[in-house]
Amino acid sequence: MNRRGFLLSVSATALAAPALAHAHGGLTATPPPLPRETLSLDDGWRFHEGDIPMPVITGHGWSYANAKAGAAWGAASPAFDDSTWDQVRLPHDFVVSQPFDQNANISQGYRKRGVAWYRRALRFEPTDRGRHIELQFGAAATNATVWFNGTIVERNFSGYNSFSVDLTPFVRYGDQTNSLVVRIDANAMEGWWYEGGGLYRHIWLVKRSPIHIATDGVHADPRKGANGQWTIPAT
């Protein structure tokens, strides 16, 4: 047998091996990974203007429970009833709806800023198990705290950067409901112009293979050599 014939024979055997193993009750072939999904989370939000203070924690029992993952209190709790809150769609700026106030900051458009809450429910299919689940925020103005299923998963302190959150360790699958809560403190100002406040950009839910390139994980650092040519080092 020549070299070409040998290679063809080996390739055919390798391709047939998973099917043969399955037919004889042995190992089965690994199913192909599900394709990447990018889903919009612009719809389905409940909104409350104004802060909702957390309950005062007293006693050892409450203190112990509060220190555990998934034990958020008040409006951050998965069990909180938000049925009376307004329904909104992203992008959403709650500051722009404030009345003009001559005593408010001229640089912020004579509109008062403040604090607001957003809540949303999510469900995941059992087939999502084993996938990497990530939230991608276009931005949130200004200081944002994010809870997922009662656990703080992210804090962000600027209205001008995107950020992502790995939800994989906290996801509940099947008929269980997942709770996503964001508290926005727009009192902080970063500019001398109208900035708005809230979830004022899109939010995406990304499902992908557990083996993937991290979000914003590709960086190019071109270098100019002595000969005038540019190269990009690989590390």
Protein backbone atom coordinates (compact mmCIF):
# COMPACT_ATOMS: atom_id res chain seq x y z
CA MET A 1 0.00 0.00 0.00
CA ASN A 2 1.40 3.39 -0.94
CA ARG A 3 1.50 6.39 1.42
CA ARG A 4 -1.65 7.99 -0.01
CA GLY A 5 -3.64 4.81 0.33
CA PHE A 6 -2.45 4.34 3.91
CA LEU A 7 -3.54 7.86 4.92
CA LEU A 8 -6.96 7.40 3.33
CA SER A 9 -7.40 4.12 5.17
CA VAL A 10 -6.48 5.65 8.54
CA SER A 11 -8.82 8.61 7.98
CA ALA A 12 -11.76 6.36 7.11
CA THR A 13 -11.17 4.24 10.20
CA ALA A 14 -11.04 7.32 12.45
CA LEU A 15 -14.29 8.68 11.03
CA ALA A 16 -16.07 5.35 11.45
CA ALA A 17 -14.85 4.70 15.00
CA PRO A 18 -17.54 6.74 16.86
CA ALA A 19 -20.35 5.10 14.91
CA LEU A 20 -18.91 1.62 15.48
CA ALA A 21 -18.48 2.28 19.19
CA HIS A 22 -22.08 3.41 19.46
CA ALA A 23 -23.33 0.39 17.54
CA HIS A 24 -21.55 -1.98 19.92
CA GLY A 25 -22.70 -0.20 23.08
CA GLY A 26 -19.33 1.38 23.75
CA LEU A 27 -18.31 5.01 23.99
CA THR A 28 -20.45 7.47 22.08
CA ALA A 29 -19.20 10.39 20.05
CA THR A 30 -19.14 13.76 21.80
CA PRO A 31 -22.02 15.87 20.44
CA PRO A 32 -20.99 19.05 18.67
CA PRO A 33 -21.18 22.20 20.81
CA LEU A 34 -24.27 24.35 20.45
CA PRO A 35 -23.72 27.46 18.33
CA ARG A 36 -23.17 30.82 19.97
CA GLU A 37 -26.36 32.75 20.73
CA THR A 38 -26.62 36.49 21.32
CA LEU A 39 -30.03 37.49 22.67
CA SER A 40 -31.36 40.99 23.32
CA LEU A 41 -32.50 41.77 26.87
CA ASP A 42 -34.03 45.13 25.98
CA ASP A 43 -37.59 44.01 26.76
CA GLY A 44 -39.26 42.77 29.92
CA TRP A 45 -37.86 45.17 32.53
CA ARG A 46 -39.62 46.52 35.61
CA PHE A 47 -38.54 49.96 36.79
CA HIS A 48 -38.81 51.89 40.07
CA GLU A 49 -37.72 55.51 40.36
CA GLY A 50 -36.23 56.36 43.74
CA ASP A 51 -34.23 54.33 46.19
CA ILE A 52 -35.55 51.40 48.21
CA PRO A 53 -33.40 51.17 51.34
CA MET A 54 -32.26 47.73 52.41
CA PRO A 55 -33.85 46.44 55.65
CA VAL A 56 -31.76 47.01 58.75
CA ILE A 57 -30.05 43.73 59.64
CA THR A 58 -30.11 42.90 63.36
CA GLY A 59 -29.29 39.76 65.29
CA HIS A 60 -26.88 36.92 64.59
CA GLY A 61 -29.29 34.90 62.45
CA TRP A 62 -29.95 37.68 59.96
CA SER A 63 -26.28 38.67 59.92
CA TYR A 64 -25.29 35.08 59.14
CA ALA A 65 -27.87 34.73 56.37
CA ASN A 66 -26.94 38.09 54.85
CA ALA A 67 -23.33 36.94 54.43
CA LYS A 68 -24.35 33.98 52.25
CA ALA A 69 -24.59 33.94 48.46
CA GLY A 70 -28.12 34.37 47.15
CA ALA A 71 -29.39 36.03 50.33
CA ALA A 72 -29.97 39.58 49.08
CA TRP A 73 -32.63 41.58 50.93
CA GLY A 74 -35.20 44.14 49.84
CA ALA A 75 -35.58 44.97 46.16
CA ALA A 76 -32.51 42.88 45.32
CA SER A 77 -34.14 39.69 46.60
CA PRO A 78 -35.44 37.19 44.03
CA ALA A 79 -38.66 36.99 46.08
CA PHE A 80 -39.34 40.74 45.94
CA ASP A 81 -42.73 41.67 44.43
CA ASP A 82 -42.18 44.15 41.58
CA SER A 83 -45.61 43.73 40.00
CA THR A 84 -46.54 47.37 40.69
CA TRP A 85 -43.39 48.76 39.07
CA ASP A 86 -43.46 50.42 35.66
CA GLN A 87 -42.68 48.36 32.57
CA VAL A 88 -39.87 49.83 30.48
CA ARG A 89 -37.80 48.95 27.45
CA LEU A 90 -34.08 49.57 27.05
CA PRO A 91 -32.31 51.83 26.31
CA HIS A 92 -33.89 53.75 29.20
CA ASP A 93 -32.90 57.13 30.65
CA PHE A 94 -34.95 58.00 33.73
CA VAL A 95 -33.35 61.43 34.23
CA VAL A 96 -34.68 62.82 30.94
CA SER A 97 -38.25 62.39 32.23
CA GLN A 98 -37.60 64.64 35.24
CA PRO A 99 -39.20 68.10 35.16
CA PHE A 100 -36.99 71.10 34.60
CA ASP A 101 -35.90 72.63 37.89
CA GLN A 102 -34.25 76.05 37.96
CA ASN A 103 -32.43 75.01 41.13
CA ALA A 104 -30.94 71.89 39.54
CA ASN A 105 -27.50 71.72 37.95
CA ILE A 106 -27.35 73.79 34.76
CA SER A 107 -24.61 71.53 33.38
CA GLN A 108 -26.95 68.54 33.73
CA GLY A 109 -29.78 70.22 31.86
CA TYR A 110 -31.66 71.57 34.90
CA ARG A 111 -32.89 68.05 35.68
CA LYS A 112 -32.49 66.29 39.01
CA ARG A 113 -30.63 63.02 39.06
CA GLY A 114 -31.10 60.29 41.65
CA VAL A 115 -31.38 56.54 42.26
CA ALA A 116 -33.48 53.92 40.45
CA TRP A 117 -33.98 50.16 40.33
CA TYR A 118 -34.46 47.74 37.43
CA ARG A 119 -35.60 44.10 37.66
CA ARG A 120 -36.04 41.34 35.09
CA ALA A 121 -36.79 37.60 35.12
CA LEU A 122 -34.89 35.08 32.97
CA ARG A 123 -35.30 31.40 32.16
CA PHE A 124 -32.73 28.96 30.79
CA GLU A 125 -33.38 25.65 29.05
CA PRO A 126 -31.81 22.45 30.42
CA THR A 127 -29.86 22.30 27.14
CA ASP A 128 -27.99 25.43 28.27
CA ARG A 129 -26.14 23.41 30.90
CA GLY A 130 -22.45 23.30 30.14
CA ARG A 131 -22.49 26.54 28.18
CA HIS A 132 -20.85 29.80 29.22
CA ILE A 133 -23.58 32.33 30.08
CA GLU A 134 -22.64 36.01 30.03
CA LEU A 135 -24.36 39.38 30.36
CA GLN A 136 -22.97 42.21 28.25
CA PHE A 137 -23.93 45.75 29.29
CA GLY A 138 -23.47 48.49 26.71
CA ALA A 139 -23.27 50.92 29.64
CA ALA A 140 -25.11 51.97 32.81
CA ALA A 141 -25.12 55.51 34.20
CA THR A 142 -23.67 55.98 36.62
CA ASN A 143 -22.82 53.71 39.56
CA ALA A 144 -24.37 50.27 39.02
CA THR A 145 -24.75 47.28 41.33
CA VAL A 146 -25.89 44.04 39.68
CA TRP A 147 -27.49 41.10 41.51
CA PHE A 148 -28.26 37.74 39.92
CA ASN A 149 -30.37 35.31 41.92
CA GLY A 150 -29.75 37.32 45.06
CA THR A 151 -25.96 37.51 44.75
CA ILE A 152 -23.96 40.61 43.85
CA VAL A 153 -22.14 39.70 40.65
CA GLU A 154 -20.83 43.09 39.49
CA ARG A 155 -20.24 46.71 40.48
CA ASN A 156 -19.46 49.32 37.84
CA PHE A 157 -18.57 52.95 38.50
CA SER A 158 -18.71 54.76 35.16
CA GLY A 159 -21.43 55.49 32.65
CA TYR A 160 -19.02 55.47 29.73
CA ASN A 161 -17.73 51.91 29.61
CA SER A 162 -19.26 48.61 28.64
CA PHE A 163 -18.87 45.66 31.00
CA SER A 164 -19.65 41.95 31.05
CA VAL A 165 -20.72 39.56 33.81
CA ASP A 166 -20.18 35.79 33.91
CA LEU A 167 -23.46 34.30 35.16
CA THR A 168 -22.52 30.65 34.61
CA PRO A 169 -22.01 29.65 38.29
CA PHE A 170 -25.36 31.16 39.35
CA VAL A 171 -27.78 30.06 36.61
CA ARG A 172 -30.86 27.95 37.41
CA TYR A 173 -32.18 25.80 34.58
CA GLY A 174 -35.53 24.46 33.48
CA ASP A 175 -38.67 25.74 35.18
CA GLN A 176 -36.76 27.77 37.77
CA THR A 177 -36.89 31.54 37.37
CA ASN A 178 -33.70 33.60 37.50
CA SER A 179 -33.74 37.11 38.96
CA LEU A 180 -31.67 39.95 37.47
CA VAL A 181 -31.62 43.21 39.45
CA VAL A 182 -29.72 46.46 38.83
CA ARG A 183 -29.56 49.42 41.19
CA ILE A 184 -28.45 52.67 39.55
CA ASP A 185 -27.09 55.65 41.47
CA ALA A 186 -27.00 58.52 38.99
CA ASN A 187 -26.10 61.15 41.57
CA ALA A 188 -22.45 60.73 40.64
CA MET A 189 -21.50 62.98 37.72
CA GLU A 190 -18.56 62.53 35.36
CA GLY A 191 -19.00 65.41 32.94
CA TRP A 192 -20.10 69.02 32.65
CA TRP A 193 -22.89 68.19 30.20
CA TYR A 194 -26.21 66.35 30.32
CA GLU A 195 -25.38 62.68 31.02
CA GLY A 196 -28.70 61.05 31.84
CA GLY A 197 -29.05 58.05 34.10
CA GLY A 198 -30.16 54.42 34.01
CA LEU A 199 -29.70 51.47 31.69
CA TYR A 200 -29.33 53.79 28.75
CA ARG A 201 -27.70 51.30 26.38
CA HIS A 202 -28.50 47.78 25.22
CA ILE A 203 -27.95 44.64 27.29
CA TRP A 204 -27.19 41.30 25.65
CA LEU A 205 -27.27 37.71 26.90
CA VAL A 206 -24.56 35.60 25.28
CA LYS A 207 -24.53 31.79 25.38
CA ARG A 208 -21.45 30.05 24.00
CA SER A 209 -19.05 27.16 24.35
CA PRO A 210 -17.18 26.92 27.67
CA ILE A 211 -14.01 27.11 25.55
CA HIS A 212 -14.04 30.54 23.94
CA ILE A 213 -12.13 33.77 23.53
CA ALA A 214 -12.93 36.01 26.48
CA THR A 215 -15.00 39.11 25.78
CA ASP A 216 -12.62 41.90 24.73
CA GLY A 217 -9.83 39.36 25.17
CA VAL A 218 -8.01 40.00 21.89
CA HIS A 219 -5.35 42.70 22.02
CA ALA A 220 -3.00 43.79 19.26
CA ASP A 221 0.27 45.51 20.18
CA PRO A 222 2.07 46.33 16.91
CA ARG A 223 5.80 47.03 17.11
CA LYS A 224 7.94 48.89 14.59
CA GLY A 225 11.28 47.22 13.99
CA ALA A 226 14.64 48.81 13.21
CA ASN A 227 14.09 47.98 9.53
CA GLY A 228 10.89 50.03 9.48
CA GLN A 229 8.59 47.01 9.26
CA TRP A 230 5.70 46.47 11.65
CA THR A 231 5.07 43.18 13.44
CA ILE A 232 2.52 41.98 15.98
CA PRO A 233 4.07 39.74 18.67
CA ALA A 234 2.12 36.61 19.58
CA THR A 235 2.12 35.75 23.29
